[in-house]
């Protein structure tokens, strides 16, 4: 069963690079610059590179600084979270939610135009209300967009979407926010359908 969100977790940095070659170069530069744990380093749709790493705040900061410098004009987006919500990070790293005993009250959907903006907005949403994260889709097979779904009471889902909209809107990368009150029970299978991270 999914765990409610709202806890404080580790420090992470993310760089979204508009070139696969530059993304590989940036990955090397970050690893040489800082003592960080590499969490994700891979190509995503549409021909971008995503690099996610964690560690001590000063090390993640140093890695981000160097990565931004090396990426130059190929930098598409970036993210620094000193305390990413742990269940969100688990979804980013490929954990799947166990549907056993999970019931949908209201469903919230947040869609953004970049990986970094989705994680930033989802982190804000998860820290603003009592809800359960359901599924996360990042870039692959969806044109580089990000999509997260979560469930909770209607008022919590609405509050979470409002909180999530602020960081995404400021970056100009918010695409959609949707609330589905009293969803059909079959929607859970759709939301949890097997897909790439």
C-alpha atoms as a PDB file:
ATOM      1  CA  UNK A   1       0.000   0.000   0.000  1.00  0.00           C
ATOM      2  CA  UNK A   2       1.248   3.502  -0.783  1.00  0.00           C
ATOM      3  CA  UNK A   3       2.507   5.655   2.045  1.00  0.00           C
ATOM      4  CA  UNK A   4       1.138   9.167   2.575  1.00  0.00           C
ATOM      5  CA  UNK A   5       3.566  11.895   1.592  1.00  0.00           C
ATOM      6  CA  UNK A   6       4.945  14.883   3.420  1.00  0.00           C
ATOM      7  CA  UNK A   7       8.223  13.696   4.913  1.00  0.00           C
ATOM      8  CA  UNK A   8      11.554  15.394   4.453  1.00  0.00           C
ATOM      9  CA  UNK A   9      14.147  13.454   2.523  1.00  0.00           C
ATOM     10  CA  UNK A  10      17.599  13.699   0.981  1.00  0.00           C
ATOM     11  CA  UNK A  11      19.151  16.519  -1.027  1.00  0.00           C
ATOM     12  CA  UNK A  12      19.039  16.048  -4.810  1.00  0.00           C
ATOM     13  CA  UNK A  13      20.026  17.946  -7.906  1.00  0.00           C
ATOM     14  CA  UNK A  14      18.787  17.425 -11.442  1.00  0.00           C
ATOM     15  CA  UNK A  15      20.026  18.714 -14.756  1.00  0.00           C
ATOM     16  CA  UNK A  16      18.015  18.378 -17.946  1.00  0.00           C
ATOM     17  CA  UNK A  17      20.228  18.780 -20.994  1.00  0.00           C
ATOM     18  CA  UNK A  18      19.026  19.366 -24.575  1.00  0.00           C
ATOM     19  CA  UNK A  19      21.849  17.263 -26.055  1.00  0.00           C
ATOM     20  CA  UNK A  20      22.751  13.631 -25.399  1.00  0.00           C
ATOM     21  CA  UNK A  21      26.451  14.230 -26.038  1.00  0.00           C
ATOM     22  CA  UNK A  22      26.543  17.294 -23.806  1.00  0.00           C
ATOM     23  CA  UNK A  23      24.542  15.404 -21.195  1.00  0.00           C
ATOM     24  CA  UNK A  24      27.195  12.703 -21.048  1.00  0.00           C
ATOM     25  CA  UNK A  25      29.909  15.367 -20.785  1.00  0.00           C
ATOM     26  CA  UNK A  26      27.977  17.091 -17.975  1.00  0.00           C
ATOM     27  CA  UNK A  27      27.591  13.785 -16.113  1.00  0.00           C
ATOM     28  CA  UNK A  28      31.355  13.276 -16.193  1.00  0.00           C
ATOM     29  CA  UNK A  29      31.977  16.852 -15.032  1.00  0.00           C
ATOM     30  CA  UNK A  30      29.534  16.580 -12.113  1.00  0.00           C
ATOM     31  CA  UNK A  31      31.041  13.287 -10.938  1.00  0.00           C
ATOM     32  CA  UNK A  32      34.552  14.769 -11.118  1.00  0.00           C
ATOM     33  CA  UNK A  33      33.501  17.926  -9.268  1.00  0.00           C
ATOM     34  CA  UNK A  34      31.496  16.569  -6.348  1.00  0.00           C
ATOM     35  CA  UNK A  35      31.088  13.519  -4.146  1.00  0.00           C
ATOM     36  CA  UNK A  36      27.515  12.690  -5.083  1.00  0.00           C
ATOM     37  CA  UNK A  37      25.492   9.529  -5.618  1.00  0.00           C
ATOM     38  CA  UNK A  38      24.391   9.114  -9.223  1.00  0.00           C
ATOM     39  CA  UNK A  39      20.664   8.250  -9.213  1.00  0.00           C
ATOM     40  CA  UNK A  40      19.679   8.647 -12.880  1.00  0.00           C
ATOM     41  CA  UNK A  41      21.770   9.414 -15.965  1.00  0.00           C
ATOM     42  CA  UNK A  42      19.964   8.584 -19.184  1.00  0.00           C
ATOM     43  CA  UNK A  43      18.452   9.832 -22.430  1.00  0.00           C
ATOM     44  CA  UNK A  44      14.768  10.764 -22.459  1.00  0.00           C
ATOM     45  CA  UNK A  45      12.291  11.954 -25.055  1.00  0.00           C
ATOM     46  CA  UNK A  46      12.738  14.093 -27.179  1.00  0.00           C
ATOM     47  CA  UNK A  47      16.495  13.610 -27.374  1.00  0.00           C
ATOM     48  CA  UNK A  48      17.311  15.102 -23.970  1.00  0.00           C
ATOM     49  CA  UNK A  49      19.552  13.835 -21.167  1.00  0.00           C
ATOM     50  CA  UNK A  50      18.465  13.719 -17.528  1.00  0.00           C
ATOM     51  CA  UNK A  51      21.007  13.621 -14.721  1.00  0.00           C
ATOM     52  CA  UNK A  52      19.790  13.190 -11.124  1.00  0.00           C
ATOM     53  CA  UNK A  53      22.179  12.927  -8.197  1.00  0.00           C
ATOM     54  CA  UNK A  54      22.048  13.147  -4.431  1.00  0.00           C
ATOM     55  CA  UNK A  55      24.307  13.793  -1.486  1.00  0.00           C
ATOM     56  CA  UNK A  56      25.253  16.437   1.036  1.00  0.00           C
ATOM     57  CA  UNK A  57      23.871  19.911   0.314  1.00  0.00           C
ATOM     58  CA  UNK A  58      27.297  21.437  -0.377  1.00  0.00           C
ATOM     59  CA  UNK A  59      28.300  18.575  -2.695  1.00  0.00           C
ATOM     60  CA  UNK A  60      25.022  18.674  -4.649  1.00  0.00           C
ATOM     61  CA  UNK A  61      25.347  22.461  -4.914  1.00  0.00           C
ATOM     62  CA  UNK A  62      28.908  22.145  -6.249  1.00  0.00           C
ATOM     63  CA  UNK A  63      27.833  19.467  -8.731  1.00  0.00           C
ATOM     64  CA  UNK A  64      24.939  21.585  -9.987  1.00  0.00           C
ATOM     65  CA  UNK A  65      27.128  24.650 -10.354  1.00  0.00           C
ATOM     66  CA  UNK A  66      29.673  22.712 -12.423  1.00  0.00           C
ATOM     67  CA  UNK A  67      26.973  20.969 -14.474  1.00  0.00           C
ATOM     68  CA  UNK A  68      25.286  24.248 -15.381  1.00  0.00           C
ATOM     69  CA  UNK A  69      28.661  25.694 -16.382  1.00  0.00           C
ATOM     70  CA  UNK A  70      29.530  22.747 -18.631  1.00  0.00           C
ATOM     71  CA  UNK A  71      26.020  22.483 -20.140  1.00  0.00           C
ATOM     72  CA  UNK A  72      26.040  26.102 -21.272  1.00  0.00           C
ATOM     73  CA  UNK A  73      23.348  26.792 -23.850  1.00  0.00           C
ATOM     74  CA  UNK A  74      22.304  23.109 -23.845  1.00  0.00           C
ATOM     75  CA  UNK A  75      20.824  23.417 -20.344  1.00  0.00           C
ATOM     76  CA  UNK A  76      17.052  22.885 -20.666  1.00  0.00           C
ATOM     77  CA  UNK A  77      16.114  22.946 -16.979  1.00  0.00           C
ATOM     78  CA  UNK A  78      17.581  22.337 -13.531  1.00  0.00           C
ATOM     79  CA  UNK A  79      16.413  21.502 -10.055  1.00  0.00           C
ATOM     80  CA  UNK A  80      17.794  21.668  -6.517  1.00  0.00           C
ATOM     81  CA  UNK A  81      15.798  20.236  -3.614  1.00  0.00           C
ATOM     82  CA  UNK A  82      17.459  20.245  -0.206  1.00  0.00           C
ATOM     83  CA  UNK A  83      14.874  17.770   1.127  1.00  0.00           C
ATOM     84  CA  UNK A  84      12.982  15.956  -1.642  1.00  0.00           C
ATOM     85  CA  UNK A  85       9.851  14.130  -0.499  1.00  0.00           C
ATOM     86  CA  UNK A  86      10.963  10.453  -0.086  1.00  0.00           C
ATOM     87  CA  UNK A  87       7.970   8.786  -1.761  1.00  0.00           C
ATOM     88  CA  UNK A  88       8.381  11.109  -4.754  1.00  0.00           C
ATOM     89  CA  UNK A  89      12.053  10.178  -5.038  1.00  0.00           C
ATOM     90  CA  UNK A  90      11.086   6.493  -4.859  1.00  0.00           C
ATOM     91  CA  UNK A  91       8.738   6.967  -7.832  1.00  0.00           C
ATOM     92  CA  UNK A  92      11.439   8.826  -9.763  1.00  0.00           C
ATOM     93  CA  UNK A  93      13.754   5.872  -9.151  1.00  0.00           C
ATOM     94  CA  UNK A  94      11.193   3.425 -10.518  1.00  0.00           C
ATOM     95  CA  UNK A  95       9.289   2.153  -7.466  1.00  0.00           C
ATOM     96  CA  UNK A  96       5.726   1.114  -8.210  1.00  0.00           C
ATOM     97  CA  UNK A  97       2.802   1.703  -5.866  1.00  0.00           C
ATOM     98  CA  UNK A  98       1.146  -1.423  -4.466  1.00  0.00           C
ATOM     99  CA  UNK A  99      -2.586  -1.099  -5.218  1.00  0.00           C
ATOM    100  CA  UNK A 100      -3.567  -3.520  -2.410  1.00  0.00           C
ATOM    101  CA  UNK A 101      -6.158  -1.776  -0.250  1.00  0.00           C
ATOM    102  CA  UNK A 102      -5.745   1.519  -2.083  1.00  0.00           C
ATOM    103  CA  UNK A 103      -8.988   3.414  -2.698  1.00  0.00           C
ATOM    104  CA  UNK A 104      -9.328   6.562  -4.741  1.00  0.00           C
ATOM    105  CA  UNK A 105     -11.101   9.493  -3.150  1.00  0.00           C
ATOM    106  CA  UNK A 106     -10.223  12.270  -5.580  1.00  0.00           C
ATOM    107  CA  UNK A 107      -7.402  12.114  -8.133  1.00  0.00           C
ATOM    108  CA  UNK A 108      -5.084  14.966  -9.003  1.00  0.00           C
ATOM    109  CA  UNK A 109      -3.061  15.063 -12.211  1.00  0.00           C
ATOM    110  CA  UNK A 110      -0.219  17.473 -12.831  1.00  0.00           C
ATOM    111  CA  UNK A 111       1.368  17.754 -16.271  1.00  0.00           C
ATOM    112  CA  UNK A 112       4.455  19.837 -17.028  1.00  0.00           C
ATOM    113  CA  UNK A 113       6.702  20.447 -20.004  1.00  0.00           C
ATOM    114  CA  UNK A 114       9.958  19.248 -18.414  1.00  0.00           C
ATOM    115  CA  UNK A 115      11.238  16.615 -16.003  1.00  0.00           C
ATOM    116  CA  UNK A 116      12.730  19.121 -13.560  1.00  0.00           C
ATOM    117  CA  UNK A 117       9.560  21.223 -13.442  1.00  0.00           C
ATOM    118  CA  UNK A 118       7.425  18.161 -12.692  1.00  0.00           C
ATOM    119  CA  UNK A 119       9.625  17.018  -9.821  1.00  0.00           C
ATOM    120  CA  UNK A 120       9.767  20.561  -8.428  1.00  0.00           C
ATOM    121  CA  UNK A 121       5.987  20.969  -8.637  1.00  0.00           C
ATOM    122  CA  UNK A 122       5.250  17.443  -7.340  1.00  0.00           C
ATOM    123  CA  UNK A 123       7.534  18.033  -4.364  1.00  0.00           C
ATOM    124  CA  UNK A 124       5.670  21.262  -3.544  1.00  0.00           C
ATOM    125  CA  UNK A 125       2.319  19.484  -3.921  1.00  0.00           C
ATOM    126  CA  UNK A 126       3.304  16.564  -1.711  1.00  0.00           C
ATOM    127  CA  UNK A 127       4.439  18.865   1.086  1.00  0.00           C
ATOM    128  CA  UNK A 128       1.276  20.986   1.038  1.00  0.00           C
ATOM    129  CA  UNK A 129      -1.493  18.459   1.697  1.00  0.00           C
ATOM    130  CA  UNK A 130      -2.303  14.966   2.901  1.00  0.00           C
ATOM    131  CA  UNK A 131      -2.255  12.759  -0.178  1.00  0.00           C
ATOM    132  CA  UNK A 132      -0.794   9.585  -1.644  1.00  0.00           C
ATOM    133  CA  UNK A 133       1.363   9.633  -4.758  1.00  0.00           C
ATOM    134  CA  UNK A 134       0.236   7.049  -7.303  1.00  0.00           C
ATOM    135  CA  UNK A 135       2.358   7.154 -10.447  1.00  0.00           C
ATOM    136  CA  UNK A 136       4.959   9.229 -12.204  1.00  0.00           C
ATOM    137  CA  UNK A 137       5.826   9.451 -15.888  1.00  0.00           C
ATOM    138  CA  UNK A 138       8.948  11.310 -16.927  1.00  0.00           C
ATOM    139  CA  UNK A 139       9.574  12.214 -20.566  1.00  0.00           C
ATOM    140  CA  UNK A 140       9.845   8.734 -22.094  1.00  0.00           C
ATOM    141  CA  UNK A 141       7.135   8.159 -24.655  1.00  0.00           C
ATOM    142  CA  UNK A 142       5.282  11.358 -23.774  1.00  0.00           C
ATOM    143  CA  UNK A 143       7.214  13.968 -25.737  1.00  0.00           C
ATOM    144  CA  UNK A 144       9.481  15.066 -22.910  1.00  0.00           C
ATOM    145  CA  UNK A 145       6.611  16.009 -20.609  1.00  0.00           C
ATOM    146  CA  UNK A 146       6.120  14.940 -17.006  1.00  0.00           C
ATOM    147  CA  UNK A 147       2.926  13.607 -15.417  1.00  0.00           C
ATOM    148  CA  UNK A 148       2.203  12.725 -11.803  1.00  0.00           C
ATOM    149  CA  UNK A 149      -0.997  11.406 -10.269  1.00  0.00           C
ATOM    150  CA  UNK A 150      -2.028  11.349  -6.621  1.00  0.00           C
ATOM    151  CA  UNK A 151      -5.095  10.743  -4.503  1.00  0.00           C
ATOM    152  CA  UNK A 152      -6.633  12.249  -1.391  1.00  0.00           C
ATOM    153  CA  UNK A 153      -9.679  14.188  -0.301  1.00  0.00           C
ATOM    154  CA  UNK A 154     -10.904  16.703  -2.869  1.00  0.00           C
ATOM    155  CA  UNK A 155      -9.814  19.678  -0.752  1.00  0.00           C
ATOM    156  CA  UNK A 156      -6.310  18.201  -0.303  1.00  0.00           C
ATOM    157  CA  UNK A 157      -5.972  17.428  -4.012  1.00  0.00           C
ATOM    158  CA  UNK A 158      -7.043  20.979  -4.903  1.00  0.00           C
ATOM    159  CA  UNK A 159      -4.606  22.467  -2.357  1.00  0.00           C
ATOM    160  CA  UNK A 160      -1.794  20.286  -3.673  1.00  0.00           C
ATOM    161  CA  UNK A 161      -2.451  21.326  -7.279  1.00  0.00           C
ATOM    162  CA  UNK A 162      -2.510  24.988  -6.249  1.00  0.00           C
ATOM    163  CA  UNK A 163       0.825  24.582  -4.457  1.00  0.00           C
ATOM    164  CA  UNK A 164       2.290  22.669  -7.391  1.00  0.00           C
ATOM    165  CA  UNK A 165       1.218  25.273  -9.891  1.00  0.00           C
ATOM    166  CA  UNK A 166       3.315  28.035  -8.370  1.00  0.00           C
ATOM    167  CA  UNK A 167       6.796  26.618  -9.117  1.00  0.00           C
ATOM    168  CA  UNK A 168       5.728  25.259 -12.509  1.00  0.00           C
ATOM    169  CA  UNK A 169       3.992  28.487 -13.523  1.00  0.00           C
ATOM    170  CA  UNK A 170       7.003  30.618 -12.562  1.00  0.00           C
ATOM    171  CA  UNK A 171       9.123  28.578 -14.944  1.00  0.00           C
ATOM    172  CA  UNK A 172       6.454  28.770 -17.648  1.00  0.00           C
ATOM    173  CA  UNK A 173       6.405  24.970 -17.748  1.00  0.00           C
ATOM    174  CA  UNK A 174       2.969  24.093 -16.338  1.00  0.00           C
ATOM    175  CA  UNK A 175       0.806  22.348 -18.924  1.00  0.00           C
ATOM    176  CA  UNK A 176      -2.272  21.090 -17.045  1.00  0.00           C
ATOM    177  CA  UNK A 177      -3.745  20.608 -13.554  1.00  0.00           C
ATOM    178  CA  UNK A 178      -6.764  18.303 -13.319  1.00  0.00           C
ATOM    179  CA  UNK A 179      -8.952  17.179 -10.394  1.00  0.00           C
ATOM    180  CA  UNK A 180     -11.146  14.099 -10.799  1.00  0.00           C
ATOM    181  CA  UNK A 181     -13.611  13.869  -7.893  1.00  0.00           C
ATOM    182  CA  UNK A 182     -15.079  10.422  -7.152  1.00  0.00           C
ATOM    183  CA  UNK A 183     -13.168   8.611  -9.934  1.00  0.00           C
ATOM    184  CA  UNK A 184     -14.406   5.306 -11.298  1.00  0.00           C
ATOM    185  CA  UNK A 185     -12.647   2.397  -9.507  1.00  0.00           C
ATOM    186  CA  UNK A 186     -11.280   1.201 -12.867  1.00  0.00           C
ATOM    187  CA  UNK A 187      -9.223   4.379 -13.176  1.00  0.00           C
ATOM    188  CA  UNK A 188      -6.715   3.030 -10.648  1.00  0.00           C
ATOM    189  CA  UNK A 189      -5.630   0.352 -13.140  1.00  0.00           C
ATOM    190  CA  UNK A 190      -5.135   3.037 -15.788  1.00  0.00           C
ATOM    191  CA  UNK A 191      -3.070   5.224 -13.462  1.00  0.00           C
ATOM    192  CA  UNK A 192      -0.880   2.336 -12.292  1.00  0.00           C
ATOM    193  CA  UNK A 193      -0.467   0.743 -15.737  1.00  0.00           C
ATOM    194  CA  UNK A 194       3.064  -0.411 -16.456  1.00  0.00           C
ATOM    195  CA  UNK A 195       5.065   2.264 -18.226  1.00  0.00           C
ATOM    196  CA  UNK A 196       8.616   3.482 -18.317  1.00  0.00           C
ATOM    197  CA  UNK A 197       9.708   5.984 -15.673  1.00  0.00           C
END
